[in-house]
Amino acid sequence: MVGPDGNLWFTERYADQIGRITITGHVTEFPIPNETGAQLEPVYITRGPGSALWFTELYAGMIGKITTK
């Protein structure tokens, strides 16, 4: 999914991370904080208003948010 910053954003389901790849090919991974101890497994990601990206956490039954700034 292309984010508002022009980079490609993706979920890393089994690593419990959100990833970003730039147009130059640089990959950055952002671990999802796990305060509940539940199995997270982010699956879907979509753009929100402003610089927000929203993602689902499959087994935790929650929605997460990350910003592109």
N, C-alpha and C. Protein backbone atom coordinates (compact mmCIF):
# COMPACT_ATOMS: atom_id res chain seq x y z
N MET A 1 0.84 -1.15 0.00
CA MET A 1 0.00 0.00 0.00
C MET A 1 0.90 1.23 0.00
N VAL A 2 0.62 2.18 -0.89
CA VAL A 2 1.41 3.41 -0.94
C VAL A 2 0.88 4.37 0.12
N GLY A 3 1.77 4.81 0.99
CA GLY A 3 1.39 5.72 2.06
C GLY A 3 1.39 7.16 1.60
N PRO A 4 0.93 8.07 2.46
CA PRO A 4 0.89 9.49 2.11
C PRO A 4 2.28 10.08 1.91
N ASP A 5 3.32 9.37 2.35
CA ASP A 5 4.69 9.83 2.17
C ASP A 5 5.31 9.33 0.86
N GLY A 6 4.54 8.56 0.06
CA GLY A 6 5.03 8.04 -1.21
C GLY A 6 5.79 6.73 -1.11
N ASN A 7 5.97 6.22 0.10
CA ASN A 7 6.66 4.95 0.31
C ASN A 7 5.66 3.80 0.32
N LEU A 8 6.17 2.59 0.11
CA LEU A 8 5.35 1.39 0.17
C LEU A 8 5.36 0.87 1.61
N TRP A 9 4.18 0.68 2.19
CA TRP A 9 4.03 0.18 3.56
C TRP A 9 3.39 -1.18 3.50
N PHE A 10 3.81 -2.08 4.39
CA PHE A 10 3.30 -3.45 4.37
C PHE A 10 3.34 -4.03 5.78
N THR A 11 2.56 -5.07 5.99
CA THR A 11 2.56 -5.76 7.28
C THR A 11 3.50 -6.94 7.21
N GLU A 12 4.13 -7.25 8.33
CA GLU A 12 4.95 -8.43 8.47
C GLU A 12 4.25 -9.32 9.51
N ARG A 13 3.34 -10.11 9.01
CA ARG A 13 2.42 -10.86 9.85
C ARG A 13 3.11 -11.67 10.94
N TYR A 14 4.07 -12.48 10.59
CA TYR A 14 4.67 -13.38 11.58
C TYR A 14 5.79 -12.73 12.39
N ALA A 15 6.18 -11.54 12.03
CA ALA A 15 7.22 -10.82 12.78
C ALA A 15 6.62 -9.75 13.69
N ASP A 16 5.29 -9.55 13.63
CA ASP A 16 4.60 -8.51 14.42
C ASP A 16 5.22 -7.14 14.18
N GLN A 17 5.40 -6.80 12.90
CA GLN A 17 5.99 -5.53 12.52
C GLN A 17 5.25 -4.92 11.34
N ILE A 18 5.44 -3.61 11.19
CA ILE A 18 5.01 -2.90 10.00
C ILE A 18 6.28 -2.51 9.27
N GLY A 19 6.29 -2.70 7.96
CA GLY A 19 7.48 -2.39 7.18
C GLY A 19 7.24 -1.25 6.21
N ARG A 20 8.35 -0.59 5.87
CA ARG A 20 8.31 0.50 4.88
C ARG A 20 9.48 0.30 3.92
N ILE A 21 9.20 0.44 2.64
CA ILE A 21 10.27 0.40 1.64
C ILE A 21 10.18 1.68 0.81
N THR A 22 11.31 2.36 0.68
CA THR A 22 11.36 3.61 -0.06
C THR A 22 11.52 3.34 -1.55
N ILE A 23 11.39 4.39 -2.35
CA ILE A 23 11.55 4.22 -3.79
C ILE A 23 12.99 3.87 -4.16
N THR A 24 13.93 4.09 -3.24
CA THR A 24 15.33 3.71 -3.48
C THR A 24 15.63 2.30 -2.99
N GLY A 25 14.63 1.63 -2.37
CA GLY A 25 14.80 0.26 -1.93
C GLY A 25 15.23 0.08 -0.49
N HIS A 26 15.28 1.14 0.29
CA HIS A 26 15.66 1.04 1.70
C HIS A 26 14.47 0.54 2.52
N VAL A 27 14.68 -0.54 3.27
CA VAL A 27 13.62 -1.14 4.08
C VAL A 27 13.83 -0.79 5.55
N THR A 28 12.75 -0.37 6.21
CA THR A 28 12.75 -0.10 7.65
C THR A 28 11.60 -0.89 8.25
N GLU A 29 11.85 -1.50 9.41
CA GLU A 29 10.83 -2.27 10.10
C GLU A 29 10.49 -1.60 11.43
N PHE A 30 9.21 -1.56 11.76
CA PHE A 30 8.73 -0.95 12.98
C PHE A 30 8.00 -2.00 13.81
N PRO A 31 8.62 -2.45 14.91
CA PRO A 31 7.95 -3.44 15.77
C PRO A 31 6.67 -2.86 16.37
N ILE A 32 5.66 -3.70 16.48
CA ILE A 32 4.41 -3.28 17.10
C ILE A 32 4.53 -3.52 18.60
N PRO A 33 4.34 -2.47 19.40
CA PRO A 33 4.39 -2.69 20.86
C PRO A 33 3.30 -3.66 21.28
N ASN A 34 3.66 -4.60 22.12
CA ASN A 34 2.69 -5.61 22.56
C ASN A 34 2.52 -5.50 24.07
N GLU A 35 1.59 -4.67 24.48
CA GLU A 35 1.36 -4.45 25.91
C GLU A 35 0.38 -5.47 26.50
N THR A 36 -0.32 -6.21 25.64
CA THR A 36 -1.33 -7.16 26.13
C THR A 36 -0.79 -8.58 26.24
N GLY A 37 0.31 -8.85 25.54
CA GLY A 37 0.84 -10.21 25.52
C GLY A 37 0.12 -11.12 24.53
N ALA A 38 -0.87 -10.58 23.83
CA ALA A 38 -1.62 -11.37 22.84
C ALA A 38 -0.79 -11.56 21.58
N GLN A 39 -1.11 -12.60 20.82
CA GLN A 39 -0.49 -12.80 19.52
C GLN A 39 -1.06 -11.76 18.58
N LEU A 40 -0.23 -10.92 17.97
CA LEU A 40 -0.72 -9.77 17.21
C LEU A 40 -0.99 -10.10 15.74
N GLU A 41 0.01 -10.44 15.00
CA GLU A 41 -0.06 -10.74 13.58
C GLU A 41 -0.82 -9.70 12.77
N PRO A 42 -0.17 -8.56 12.45
CA PRO A 42 -0.82 -7.56 11.61
C PRO A 42 -1.06 -8.13 10.21
N VAL A 43 -2.25 -7.84 9.66
CA VAL A 43 -2.60 -8.44 8.38
C VAL A 43 -2.86 -7.38 7.31
N TYR A 44 -3.83 -6.53 7.52
CA TYR A 44 -4.22 -5.54 6.51
C TYR A 44 -3.77 -4.16 6.95
N ILE A 45 -3.45 -3.31 5.97
CA ILE A 45 -3.03 -1.94 6.27
C ILE A 45 -3.66 -1.01 5.25
N THR A 46 -4.06 0.17 5.70
CA THR A 46 -4.71 1.14 4.82
C THR A 46 -4.38 2.56 5.27
N ARG A 47 -4.52 3.49 4.35
CA ARG A 47 -4.28 4.90 4.67
C ARG A 47 -5.45 5.47 5.45
N GLY A 48 -5.10 6.39 6.33
CA GLY A 48 -6.10 7.14 7.06
C GLY A 48 -5.89 8.62 6.78
N PRO A 49 -6.57 9.48 7.52
CA PRO A 49 -6.39 10.91 7.30
C PRO A 49 -4.99 11.38 7.72
N GLY A 50 -4.49 12.40 7.06
CA GLY A 50 -3.18 12.95 7.39
C GLY A 50 -2.08 11.95 7.12
N SER A 51 -1.21 11.76 8.10
CA SER A 51 -0.07 10.84 7.94
C SER A 51 -0.31 9.49 8.60
N ALA A 52 -1.56 9.19 8.92
CA ALA A 52 -1.87 7.94 9.65
C ALA A 52 -2.05 6.75 8.72
N LEU A 53 -1.59 5.60 9.19
CA LEU A 53 -1.86 4.30 8.57
C LEU A 53 -2.51 3.44 9.64
N TRP A 54 -3.53 2.70 9.27
CA TRP A 54 -4.25 1.84 10.21
C TRP A 54 -4.07 0.40 9.78
N PHE A 55 -3.92 -0.51 10.75
CA PHE A 55 -3.74 -1.91 10.42
C PHE A 55 -4.52 -2.78 11.40
N THR A 56 -4.88 -3.98 10.93
CA THR A 56 -5.60 -4.92 11.79
C THR A 56 -4.61 -5.89 12.42
N GLU A 57 -4.92 -6.30 13.63
CA GLU A 57 -4.12 -7.32 14.32
C GLU A 57 -5.00 -8.56 14.43
N LEU A 58 -4.68 -9.56 13.64
CA LEU A 58 -5.54 -10.71 13.43
C LEU A 58 -5.98 -11.40 14.71
N TYR A 59 -5.07 -11.87 15.51
CA TYR A 59 -5.43 -12.67 16.68
C TYR A 59 -5.72 -11.84 17.92
N ALA A 60 -5.23 -10.61 17.97
CA ALA A 60 -5.49 -9.75 19.12
C ALA A 60 -6.87 -9.11 19.03
N GLY A 61 -7.47 -9.13 17.84
CA GLY A 61 -8.79 -8.52 17.66
C GLY A 61 -8.76 -7.02 17.86
N MET A 62 -7.66 -6.38 17.44
CA MET A 62 -7.50 -4.95 17.64
C MET A 62 -7.10 -4.27 16.35
N ILE A 63 -7.19 -2.95 16.36
CA ILE A 63 -6.76 -2.11 15.25
C ILE A 63 -5.56 -1.31 15.77
N GLY A 64 -4.53 -1.16 14.93
CA GLY A 64 -3.36 -0.38 15.31
C GLY A 64 -3.19 0.81 14.39
N LYS A 65 -2.40 1.77 14.84
CA LYS A 65 -2.14 2.98 14.06
C LYS A 65 -0.64 3.28 14.09
N ILE A 66 -0.12 3.70 12.93
CA ILE A 66 1.26 4.16 12.82
C ILE A 66 1.23 5.41 11.95
N THR A 67 2.11 6.35 12.21
CA THR A 67 2.16 7.56 11.38
C THR A 67 3.41 7.51 10.50
N THR A 68 3.34 8.19 9.38
CA THR A 68 4.44 8.17 8.43
C THR A 68 5.45 9.27 8.69
N LYS A 69 5.26 10.05 9.71
CA LYS A 69 6.21 11.15 10.02
C LYS A 69 7.11 10.78 11.14
